N, C-alpha and C. Protein backbone atom coordinates (compact mmCIF):
# COMPACT_ATOMS: atom_id res chain seq x y z
N MET A 1 121.13 97.70 105.41
CA MET A 1 120.22 98.19 104.38
C MET A 1 119.54 97.03 103.66
N LEU A 2 120.29 95.98 103.41
CA LEU A 2 119.73 94.84 102.70
C LEU A 2 118.67 94.14 103.53
N GLY A 3 118.84 94.13 104.87
CA GLY A 3 117.84 93.54 105.75
C GLY A 3 116.52 94.28 105.69
N ILE A 4 116.58 95.59 105.60
CA ILE A 4 115.36 96.39 105.49
C ILE A 4 114.66 96.08 104.18
N LEU A 5 115.42 95.95 103.11
CA LEU A 5 114.83 95.65 101.80
C LEU A 5 114.11 94.30 101.82
N TRP A 6 114.74 93.30 102.43
CA TRP A 6 114.10 91.99 102.50
C TRP A 6 112.86 92.04 103.36
N GLY A 7 112.88 92.86 104.40
CA GLY A 7 111.69 93.04 105.24
C GLY A 7 110.54 93.63 104.44
N VAL A 8 110.85 94.61 103.60
CA VAL A 8 109.82 95.23 102.75
C VAL A 8 109.28 94.20 101.76
N VAL A 9 110.16 93.40 101.20
CA VAL A 9 109.72 92.37 100.24
C VAL A 9 108.78 91.38 100.92
N VAL A 10 109.11 90.97 102.13
CA VAL A 10 108.26 90.01 102.85
C VAL A 10 106.89 90.61 103.13
N VAL A 11 106.86 91.86 103.57
CA VAL A 11 105.59 92.52 103.84
C VAL A 11 104.77 92.65 102.57
N LEU A 12 105.40 93.02 101.47
CA LEU A 12 104.67 93.15 100.21
C LEU A 12 104.14 91.82 99.70
N VAL A 13 104.91 90.76 99.89
CA VAL A 13 104.42 89.44 99.49
C VAL A 13 103.20 89.06 100.32
N ALA A 14 103.23 89.39 101.61
CA ALA A 14 102.08 89.09 102.47
C ALA A 14 100.85 89.88 102.01
N PHE A 15 101.04 91.17 101.71
CA PHE A 15 99.92 91.97 101.21
C PHE A 15 99.43 91.47 99.86
N TRP A 16 100.37 91.02 99.03
CA TRP A 16 99.99 90.48 97.72
C TRP A 16 99.12 89.23 97.88
N ALA A 17 99.52 88.36 98.81
CA ALA A 17 98.73 87.15 99.06
C ALA A 17 97.34 87.51 99.58
N LEU A 18 97.27 88.49 100.49
CA LEU A 18 95.96 88.94 100.98
C LEU A 18 95.14 89.54 99.84
N GLY A 19 95.77 90.27 98.97
CA GLY A 19 95.07 90.86 97.84
C GLY A 19 94.50 89.80 96.90
N LEU A 20 95.25 88.71 96.72
CA LEU A 20 94.75 87.63 95.87
C LEU A 20 93.55 86.95 96.51
N VAL A 21 93.63 86.74 97.82
CA VAL A 21 92.56 86.02 98.51
C VAL A 21 91.33 86.90 98.69
N LEU A 22 91.54 88.14 99.09
CA LEU A 22 90.42 89.02 99.43
C LEU A 22 90.05 90.01 98.32
N HIS A 23 90.80 90.03 97.24
CA HIS A 23 90.55 90.92 96.10
C HIS A 23 90.54 92.39 96.53
N ILE A 24 91.55 92.79 97.30
CA ILE A 24 91.68 94.16 97.76
C ILE A 24 92.84 94.82 97.03
N ALA A 25 92.58 95.89 96.28
CA ALA A 25 93.61 96.69 95.61
C ALA A 25 94.60 95.81 94.86
N GLY A 26 94.11 94.86 94.11
CA GLY A 26 94.95 93.86 93.44
C GLY A 26 95.98 94.45 92.51
N ASN A 27 95.59 95.34 91.62
CA ASN A 27 96.53 95.87 90.63
C ASN A 27 97.63 96.69 91.28
N LEU A 28 97.29 97.49 92.27
CA LEU A 28 98.29 98.31 92.95
C LEU A 28 99.30 97.43 93.68
N ILE A 29 98.82 96.42 94.36
CA ILE A 29 99.72 95.53 95.10
C ILE A 29 100.64 94.78 94.14
N HIS A 30 100.13 94.34 93.01
CA HIS A 30 100.96 93.64 92.03
C HIS A 30 102.05 94.56 91.49
N ALA A 31 101.71 95.81 91.20
CA ALA A 31 102.69 96.75 90.67
C ALA A 31 103.79 97.03 91.70
N VAL A 32 103.40 97.26 92.94
CA VAL A 32 104.40 97.56 93.98
C VAL A 32 105.26 96.33 94.26
N LEU A 33 104.66 95.15 94.21
CA LEU A 33 105.43 93.93 94.43
C LEU A 33 106.47 93.74 93.32
N LEU A 34 106.10 93.99 92.09
CA LEU A 34 107.05 93.87 90.99
C LEU A 34 108.21 94.85 91.15
N ILE A 35 107.90 96.07 91.58
CA ILE A 35 108.96 97.06 91.81
C ILE A 35 109.88 96.60 92.93
N ALA A 36 109.31 96.07 94.01
CA ALA A 36 110.13 95.60 95.14
C ALA A 36 111.01 94.43 94.73
N ILE A 37 110.49 93.52 93.94
CA ILE A 37 111.29 92.38 93.48
C ILE A 37 112.41 92.85 92.57
N ALA A 38 112.11 93.80 91.68
CA ALA A 38 113.14 94.33 90.79
C ALA A 38 114.25 95.01 91.60
N LEU A 39 113.89 95.76 92.63
CA LEU A 39 114.89 96.41 93.48
C LEU A 39 115.71 95.38 94.25
N ALA A 40 115.08 94.33 94.72
CA ALA A 40 115.80 93.29 95.45
C ALA A 40 116.81 92.60 94.54
N ILE A 41 116.42 92.29 93.33
CA ILE A 41 117.34 91.65 92.38
C ILE A 41 118.48 92.59 92.03
N TYR A 42 118.16 93.87 91.79
CA TYR A 42 119.20 94.86 91.49
C TYR A 42 120.21 94.96 92.62
N ASN A 43 119.72 95.07 93.85
CA ASN A 43 120.62 95.19 95.00
C ASN A 43 121.42 93.91 95.22
N PHE A 44 120.83 92.77 94.93
CA PHE A 44 121.56 91.50 95.08
C PHE A 44 122.75 91.46 94.14
N PHE A 45 122.55 91.82 92.87
CA PHE A 45 123.64 91.80 91.91
C PHE A 45 124.63 92.93 92.15
N LYS A 46 124.16 94.06 92.63
CA LYS A 46 125.06 95.18 92.94
C LYS A 46 125.97 94.81 94.10
N ALA A 47 125.44 94.11 95.11
CA ALA A 47 126.24 93.70 96.26
C ALA A 47 127.29 92.65 95.85
N ARG A 48 127.00 91.84 94.89
CA ARG A 48 127.93 90.80 94.47
C ARG A 48 129.09 91.37 93.67
N ASP A 49 128.90 92.52 93.01
CA ASP A 49 129.97 93.13 92.21
C ASP A 49 131.06 93.73 93.07
N VAL A 50 130.75 94.04 94.31
CA VAL A 50 131.73 94.72 95.18
C VAL A 50 132.80 93.79 95.64
């Protein structure tokens, strides 16, 4: 499950970089990227508690 999450984060970072360069859907990509990063951090700390 954690591998899938990291895959999603990588894809979102790539889309975020494209959005910065090409100015495509910038605000939406930034919002989704922040949500993905928050979920990755949450899952990282949740996995460490076990």
